[in-house]
Protein backbone atom coordinates (compact mmCIF):
# COMPACT_ATOMS: atom_id res chain seq x y z
CA MET A 1 -15.61 7.10 0.57
CA MET A 2 -16.14 4.94 3.63
CA ASN A 3 -16.91 1.25 3.80
CA PRO A 4 -19.87 0.78 6.20
CA PHE A 5 -17.93 -2.00 7.94
CA SER A 6 -14.79 0.12 8.31
CA TRP A 7 -16.32 2.10 11.15
CA LEU A 8 -13.06 2.31 13.09
CA GLN A 9 -11.78 4.72 10.44
CA MET A 10 -14.03 7.38 11.95
CA THR A 11 -12.53 9.96 14.28
CA ASN A 12 -13.19 11.72 17.56
CA MET A 13 -15.22 14.92 17.64
CA ILE A 14 -13.93 17.39 20.19
CA SER A 15 -14.11 21.15 20.60
CA TYR A 16 -11.12 23.15 19.45
CA GLN A 17 -11.34 25.28 22.59
CA GLY A 18 -11.10 22.16 24.74
CA LEU A 19 -7.92 21.10 23.02
CA VAL A 20 -6.41 24.57 23.38
CA ARG A 21 -7.16 24.57 27.10
CA THR A 22 -5.93 21.07 27.83
CA PHE A 23 -2.95 20.27 25.59
CA PRO A 24 -0.58 22.86 27.13
CA LYS A 25 -1.16 21.24 30.54
CA ALA A 26 0.21 17.95 29.25
CA ILE A 27 3.39 19.33 27.67
CA PRO A 28 5.50 19.56 30.88
CA TYR A 29 4.63 15.98 31.82
CA ALA A 30 5.56 14.65 28.37
CA GLY A 31 8.75 16.71 28.46
CA HIS A 32 9.79 14.93 31.66
CA GLY A 33 9.30 11.46 30.21
CA LYS A 34 5.70 10.80 31.23
CA LEU A 35 3.30 9.03 28.90
CA VAL A 36 0.23 11.24 28.94
CA THR A 37 -3.25 10.10 28.06
CA PHE A 38 -6.27 12.39 27.99
CA GLY A 39 -9.32 11.37 30.01
CA ILE A 40 -12.64 12.88 29.01
CA VAL A 41 -14.72 14.09 31.94
CA PRO A 42 -17.89 11.98 31.52
CA SER A 43 -21.24 13.68 31.07
CA HIS A 44 -23.42 10.57 31.35
CA PRO A 45 -23.11 6.81 32.11
CA GLU A 46 -21.84 5.73 28.68
CA THR A 47 -21.57 1.98 28.05
CA GLY A 48 -19.90 2.28 24.63
CA TYR A 49 -16.58 3.69 25.84
CA GLY A 50 -13.65 2.34 27.80
CA TYR A 51 -12.71 4.18 31.00
CA ILE A 52 -9.57 5.30 32.84
CA ARG A 53 -9.54 5.24 36.63
CA ARG A 54 -7.36 7.93 38.12
CA GLY A 55 -4.99 7.36 41.02
CA GLN A 56 -2.93 9.75 43.11
CA GLN A 57 -2.64 13.33 41.88
CA ASP A 58 0.62 14.15 40.13
CA GLY A 59 1.22 17.89 40.18
CA SER A 60 -1.61 20.31 39.52
CA ASP A 61 -2.93 19.02 36.20
CA ALA A 62 -2.62 15.23 36.08
CA PHE A 63 -3.21 12.00 37.96
CA ILE A 64 -1.29 8.75 37.96
CA VAL A 65 -3.20 6.17 35.93
CA HIS A 66 -4.60 3.55 38.31
CA GLU A 67 -6.14 1.28 35.66
CA PHE A 68 -7.77 1.07 32.26
CA VAL A 69 -11.27 -0.40 32.33
CA GLU A 70 -13.20 -2.07 29.51
CA LYS A 71 -16.67 -0.95 28.44
CA PRO A 72 -19.00 -1.38 31.46
CA ASP A 73 -22.67 -2.25 31.69
CA TYR A 74 -25.11 0.53 32.56
CA ASP A 75 -25.15 0.07 36.34
CA ILE A 76 -21.37 0.02 36.58
CA ALA A 77 -21.15 3.08 34.30
CA CYS A 78 -23.49 4.89 36.71
CA ASN A 79 -21.15 4.03 39.59
CA TYR A 80 -18.16 5.28 37.61
CA LEU A 81 -19.93 8.58 36.95
CA SER A 82 -20.96 9.16 40.57
CA SER A 83 -17.51 8.31 41.97
CA GLY A 84 -15.74 11.08 40.06
CA GLU A 85 -12.67 8.84 39.73
CA TYR A 86 -13.24 7.71 36.15
CA TYR A 87 -12.78 9.31 32.75
CA TRP A 88 -13.72 8.19 29.28
CA ASN A 89 -10.69 6.78 27.48
CA SER A 90 -10.18 9.14 24.54
CA GLY A 91 -7.39 7.10 22.95
CA MET A 92 -5.35 10.30 22.61
CA PHE A 93 -1.78 10.46 23.89
CA MET A 94 1.14 12.83 24.24
CA PHE A 95 4.70 11.67 24.85
CA LYS A 96 8.23 12.03 23.56
CA ALA A 97 9.03 9.40 20.96
CA GLU A 98 12.05 8.19 22.93
CA SER A 99 9.93 7.77 26.07
CA TYR A 100 7.37 5.61 24.33
CA LEU A 101 9.94 3.56 22.45
CA ALA A 102 11.82 2.83 25.67
CA GLU A 103 8.65 1.49 27.29
CA LEU A 104 7.65 -0.44 24.18
CA LYS A 105 11.08 -2.04 24.07
CA GLU A 106 10.73 -3.11 27.71
CA PHE A 107 7.16 -4.44 27.67
CA ARG A 108 6.71 -5.56 24.07
CA PRO A 109 10.15 -6.20 22.57
CA ASP A 110 8.52 -8.33 19.86
CA ILE A 111 6.61 -5.32 18.54
CA TYR A 112 9.65 -3.07 18.88
CA LYS A 113 11.96 -5.43 16.98
CA GLN A 114 9.48 -6.04 14.17
CA CYS A 115 8.87 -2.32 13.68
CA GLU A 116 12.61 -1.73 13.74
CA ARG A 117 13.00 -4.31 10.97
CA ALA A 118 10.24 -2.64 8.96
CA VAL A 119 11.80 0.83 9.04
CA MET A 120 15.32 -0.39 8.26
CA GLN A 121 14.19 -1.09 4.69
CA THR A 122 12.20 1.79 3.24
CA ASN A 123 11.65 3.17 -0.23
CA GLU A 124 10.34 6.50 -1.45
CA ASP A 125 7.15 6.65 -3.50
CA LEU A 126 6.54 10.25 -4.60
CA ASP A 127 5.76 12.05 -1.31
CA PHE A 128 5.42 8.77 0.62
CA VAL A 129 8.04 6.78 2.50
CA ARG A 130 7.00 3.14 2.41
CA ILE A 131 8.27 0.75 5.07
CA ASP A 132 8.95 -2.92 4.42
CA GLU A 133 5.51 -4.50 4.00
CA GLU A 134 6.48 -8.08 4.81
CA ALA A 135 8.27 -7.14 8.03
CA PHE A 136 5.50 -4.86 9.24
CA ALA A 137 2.80 -7.42 8.44
CA GLN A 138 4.47 -9.77 10.95
CA CYS A 139 4.22 -7.20 13.74
CA PRO A 140 1.64 -8.14 16.42
CA SER A 141 -1.50 -6.01 16.26
CA GLU A 142 -2.05 -4.45 19.66
CA SER A 143 -3.16 -1.04 20.88
CA ILE A 144 -0.98 1.38 22.83
CA ASP A 145 -3.23 0.79 25.85
CA TYR A 146 -2.62 -2.97 25.95
CA ALA A 147 0.99 -2.95 24.82
CA VAL A 148 2.37 -0.16 27.00
CA MET A 149 -0.01 2.05 28.97
CA GLU A 150 -1.41 -0.76 31.16
CA HIS A 151 2.12 -1.81 32.18
CA THR A 152 4.23 1.33 32.43
CA SER A 153 4.78 3.16 35.70
CA HIS A 154 5.07 6.46 33.83
CA ALA A 155 1.44 6.84 32.68
CA VAL A 156 -0.54 9.89 33.77
CA VAL A 157 -4.00 11.08 32.80
CA VAL A 158 -4.86 14.71 32.16
CA PRO A 159 -8.61 15.40 32.48
CA MET A 160 -10.26 17.06 29.49
CA ASP A 161 -13.72 18.62 29.65
CA ALA A 162 -14.28 19.42 26.00
CA GLY A 163 -17.65 18.25 24.72
CA TRP A 164 -16.10 15.09 23.36
CA SER A 165 -17.85 12.44 21.30
CA ASP A 166 -16.16 9.24 20.18
CA VAL A 167 -17.38 9.11 16.60
CA GLY A 168 -16.50 5.45 16.30
CA SER A 169 -19.90 4.29 15.12
CA TRP A 170 -22.62 5.49 12.79
CA SER A 171 -24.95 6.11 15.73
CA SER A 172 -22.42 8.64 17.04
CA LEU A 173 -22.69 10.51 13.74
CA TRP A 174 -26.44 10.61 14.28
CA ASP A 175 -25.82 12.09 17.75
CA ILE A 176 -23.78 15.04 16.48
CA SER A 177 -25.67 15.75 13.23
CA ASN A 178 -28.47 18.22 12.55
CA LYS A 179 -31.82 16.40 12.48
CA ASP A 180 -35.19 17.07 10.92
CA GLU A 181 -38.38 17.43 12.96
CA SER A 182 -38.63 13.62 13.25
CA GLY A 183 -35.03 13.14 14.39
CA ASN A 184 -33.80 11.83 11.03
CA VAL A 185 -30.37 12.48 9.51
CA THR A 186 -29.79 11.84 5.80
CA ARG A 187 -26.73 12.06 3.57
CA GLY A 188 -26.87 11.63 -0.20
CA ASP A 189 -29.82 10.55 -2.36
CA VAL A 190 -32.37 9.53 0.30
CA VAL A 191 -36.19 9.51 0.31
CA GLN A 192 -38.01 8.87 3.60
CA PHE A 193 -41.63 8.39 4.66
CA ASP A 194 -42.90 8.00 8.25
CA CYS A 195 -39.43 7.44 9.76
CA ARG A 196 -38.09 8.55 13.13
CA ASP A 197 -34.60 8.82 14.63
CA THR A 198 -32.81 7.27 11.64
CA TYR A 199 -29.41 7.85 10.06
CA VAL A 200 -29.32 7.08 6.32
CA HIS A 201 -26.11 7.54 4.32
CA SER A 202 -26.15 6.95 0.56
CA GLU A 203 -22.97 7.13 -1.47
CA ASP A 204 -24.07 6.44 -5.03
CA ALA A 205 -27.63 5.07 -5.15
CA LEU A 206 -31.17 6.09 -4.25
CA VAL A 207 -32.14 4.78 -0.80
CA ALA A 208 -35.86 4.83 0.06
CA THR A 209 -37.08 4.08 3.60
CA LEU A 210 -40.61 3.48 4.90
CA GLY A 211 -41.79 3.38 8.51
CA LEU A 212 -38.38 2.89 10.14
CA ASP A 213 -37.51 3.81 13.71
CA ASN A 214 -34.10 4.04 15.42
CA THR A 215 -32.32 2.57 12.37
CA ILE A 216 -28.94 3.05 10.69
CA ILE A 217 -28.59 2.46 6.93
CA VAL A 218 -25.27 3.00 5.16
CA GLN A 219 -24.95 2.37 1.42
CA THR A 220 -21.56 2.52 -0.31
CA CYS A 221 -20.24 1.04 -3.54
CA ASP A 222 -18.70 -1.77 -1.44
CA ALA A 223 -21.55 -2.92 0.81
CA VAL A 224 -24.78 -2.02 2.62
CA LEU A 225 -25.19 -1.93 6.41
CA ILE A 226 -28.63 -1.98 8.06
CA ALA A 227 -28.73 -1.98 11.86
CA ASN A 228 -30.72 -0.96 14.88
CA LYS A 229 -29.08 2.16 16.24
CA ASN A 230 -28.61 0.55 19.65
CA HIS A 231 -26.67 -2.35 18.15
CA VAL A 232 -24.53 -0.64 15.51
CA GLN A 233 -21.36 -0.79 17.63
CA ASN A 234 -21.57 -4.58 17.28
CA VAL A 235 -20.61 -4.22 13.63
CA LYS A 236 -17.30 -5.77 14.69
CA LYS A 237 -19.16 -9.08 14.66
CA VAL A 238 -19.79 -8.60 10.95
CA VAL A 239 -16.13 -7.76 10.35
CA ASP A 240 -15.03 -10.86 12.27
CA TYR A 241 -17.43 -12.96 10.19
CA LEU A 242 -16.04 -11.54 6.95
CA LYS A 243 -12.48 -12.30 8.08
CA SER A 244 -13.22 -15.84 9.23
CA ASN A 245 -15.02 -16.63 5.96
CA ASN A 246 -12.23 -15.19 3.78
CA ARG A 247 -14.42 -12.37 2.51
CA THR A 248 -12.73 -9.15 1.39
CA GLU A 249 -15.41 -6.46 1.74
CA HIS A 250 -13.92 -5.14 4.98
CA CYS A 251 -10.45 -4.53 3.53
CA GLU A 252 -10.70 -4.27 -0.27
CA HIS A 253 -12.60 -1.36 -1.74
CA LYS A 254 -13.85 -0.68 -5.22
CA GLU A 255 -12.17 2.73 -5.14
CA ILE A 256 -8.48 2.66 -4.24
CA TYR A 257 -6.34 5.75 -3.71
CA ARG A 258 -2.71 5.96 -4.76
CA PRO A 259 -0.08 8.75 -4.52
CA TRP A 260 -0.67 9.49 -8.21
CA GLY A 261 -4.50 9.39 -8.14
CA SER A 262 -7.17 6.72 -7.80
CA ILE A 263 -8.72 3.61 -9.38
CA LYS A 264 -12.41 2.71 -9.17
CA THR A 265 -13.63 -0.72 -10.30
CA LEU A 266 -16.87 -0.48 -12.29
CA VAL A 267 -17.38 -4.01 -13.66
CA HIS A 268 -15.44 -7.20 -12.86
CA GLY A 269 -15.79 -10.49 -14.75
CA ASP A 270 -13.69 -13.63 -15.03
CA GLU A 271 -11.76 -12.40 -18.07
CA TYR A 272 -12.53 -8.69 -18.15
CA LEU A 273 -12.30 -5.68 -15.86
CA VAL A 274 -13.60 -2.13 -16.34
CA ARG A 275 -12.08 0.62 -14.21
CA LYS A 276 -12.08 4.40 -14.00
CA VAL A 277 -8.53 5.68 -13.56
CA THR A 278 -7.84 9.21 -12.33
CA LEU A 279 -4.30 10.51 -12.76
CA ARG A 280 -3.28 13.71 -10.96
CA PRO A 281 -1.67 16.55 -12.93
CA GLU A 282 1.96 15.96 -13.95
CA MET A 283 1.83 12.36 -12.70
CA GLN A 284 2.96 9.25 -14.58
CA LEU A 285 2.42 5.53 -14.07
CA ALA A 286 5.37 3.16 -14.13
CA ALA A 287 6.36 1.56 -17.43
CA GLN A 288 4.93 -1.95 -17.52
CA ILE A 289 4.03 -5.01 -19.58
CA HIS A 290 1.03 -7.35 -19.36
CA HIS A 291 1.64 -10.76 -20.90
CA HIS A 292 -1.88 -12.18 -20.63
CA ARG A 293 -4.21 -9.26 -21.21
CA SER A 294 -4.77 -6.27 -23.47
CA GLU A 295 -6.21 -2.88 -22.50
CA HIS A 296 -8.39 -0.20 -24.08
CA TRP A 297 -8.12 3.35 -22.73
CA THR A 298 -10.81 5.97 -23.42
CA VAL A 299 -10.20 9.52 -22.21
CA LEU A 300 -13.14 11.09 -20.37
CA SER A 301 -11.47 14.36 -19.42
CA GLY A 302 -8.00 15.85 -19.77
CA LYS A 303 -5.31 14.76 -22.21
CA ALA A 304 -3.34 11.53 -21.91
CA THR A 305 0.24 11.11 -23.05
CA VAL A 306 0.86 7.50 -24.04
CA ILE A 307 4.13 5.75 -24.76
CA LEU A 308 3.74 2.45 -26.62
CA GLU A 309 7.11 0.78 -27.11
CA ASP A 310 9.12 3.54 -28.84
CA ARG A 311 6.15 5.67 -29.98
CA GLU A 312 4.78 8.63 -27.99
CA TYR A 313 1.41 10.23 -28.73
CA ASN A 314 -1.47 12.12 -27.12
CA VAL A 315 -5.05 10.95 -26.61
CA GLU A 316 -7.64 13.72 -26.31
CA GLU A 317 -11.10 13.70 -24.71
CA ASN A 318 -13.53 11.26 -26.39
CA GLN A 319 -10.61 9.46 -28.04
CA SER A 320 -9.27 6.00 -27.22
CA THR A 321 -6.20 3.83 -27.72
CA PHE A 322 -5.42 0.12 -27.64
CA ILE A 323 -2.62 -1.46 -25.59
CA PRO A 324 -1.77 -4.97 -26.89
CA ALA A 325 -0.49 -7.70 -24.59
CA GLY A 326 3.28 -8.03 -24.36
CA VAL A 327 4.02 -4.38 -25.19
CA VAL A 328 5.79 -1.92 -22.86
CA HIS A 329 3.54 1.05 -22.20
CA VAL A 330 3.37 4.21 -20.08
CA LEU A 331 0.47 6.50 -19.20
CA SER A 332 1.08 10.06 -18.01
CA ASN A 333 -0.77 13.32 -17.47
CA ALA A 334 1.24 16.30 -18.60
CA GLY A 335 -1.67 18.70 -18.08
CA LEU A 336 -2.75 20.87 -15.16
CA GLN A 337 -6.11 19.15 -14.70
CA PRO A 338 -6.83 15.58 -13.54
CA LEU A 339 -6.84 12.99 -16.30
CA GLU A 340 -9.80 10.60 -16.19
CA ILE A 341 -9.91 7.50 -18.37
CA ILE A 342 -11.99 4.35 -18.67
CA GLU A 343 -9.72 1.30 -18.79
CA ILE A 344 -11.06 -1.98 -20.15
CA GLN A 345 -8.88 -5.02 -19.47
CA SER A 346 -9.54 -8.32 -21.24
CA GLY A 347 -7.61 -11.58 -21.24
CA LYS A 348 -6.92 -14.82 -19.44
CA ASN A 349 -5.31 -13.11 -16.45
CA ILE A 350 -6.49 -9.74 -15.17
CA ASN A 351 -4.89 -10.03 -11.75
CA GLU A 352 -2.11 -7.91 -10.29
CA ASP A 353 0.44 -10.68 -10.88
CA ASP A 354 0.27 -9.95 -14.63
CA ILE A 355 1.94 -6.57 -14.14
CA VAL A 356 5.66 -6.54 -14.94
CA ARG A 357 7.18 -3.15 -14.18
CA VAL A 358 10.26 -2.18 -16.18
CA GLU A 359 12.77 0.62 -15.95
CA ASN A 360 11.38 3.62 -17.77
CA THR A 361 13.98 5.19 -20.08
CA PHE A 362 11.49 6.81 -22.45
CA SER A 363 11.96 10.52 -23.14
CA GLY A 364 14.04 11.01 -20.03
CA ARG A 365 11.15 10.14 -17.75
CA LYS A 366 11.71 8.53 -14.33
């Protein structure tokens, strides 16, 4: 699932052959302490990408980085292309960890120290190692380019000619996707009439379009984005608006993934909450108590093992159980298939602060 406003989650598209040809060229430079960035050989005057200007050649496969350049207008992008001195900034790097950390410590000691604090206090969560959230949240948010690469004297750029596309916007997905005879791309439950050059993505609802041209529509369970394809990269303006107005659509999603499975919110009221909980095979939730709400669990598929105070029992498909407020309880999936349940919470407080986790000593479980 992808929030239509979380477009920065999207990745670069690049040919495997291009990577195989280029990456080995960068290894000797990284091995000698250089901070390598990969510059994409431009194929056209692109205004949506940042650029890297190369300097003096360094060996046979790289150039010293002269400067990083922000997204240009069209005329300047044409000049960049004709000069042969500029590459698209791929945002991909290769370096030894110690080389980068040494430069980070020199140019941004505030970031270095805060990250150091965050990793000094970690805890294991199944297959995850979680750093200290409070310490890391205080770390300044800045890209590698701004924090280090624009300041270090050890940056080199290795050119890469690999059919690269920065899939950082929905219009880029339209560029690389197979289109119908009218230039339309559709994903999901979509019906179109008299449309041209559109990209329509539907996650869980019917989307019908009439007479649209050069348009992006993205429907998810979180939000809907409708934009002219030429303006879709400005979606950051929407994200900034959501942040400044204390909205949560850009960062809180109705479906949340956890190491043990996932939770999807279906209905949310003032004193009730309906969720679909998926628990992976052989996984168990922590023992907990809710003081201000009760819960009903109905099994959709699989078999749930429930511990309620000192009683353990199974709940089969199409069966349900009731969890009163103030009672220690545990949910686990002892089967080999995912366990799916509908959870109905009701009470005066259905927020996360009404979860009190307790040490689980039931039946030898951890």
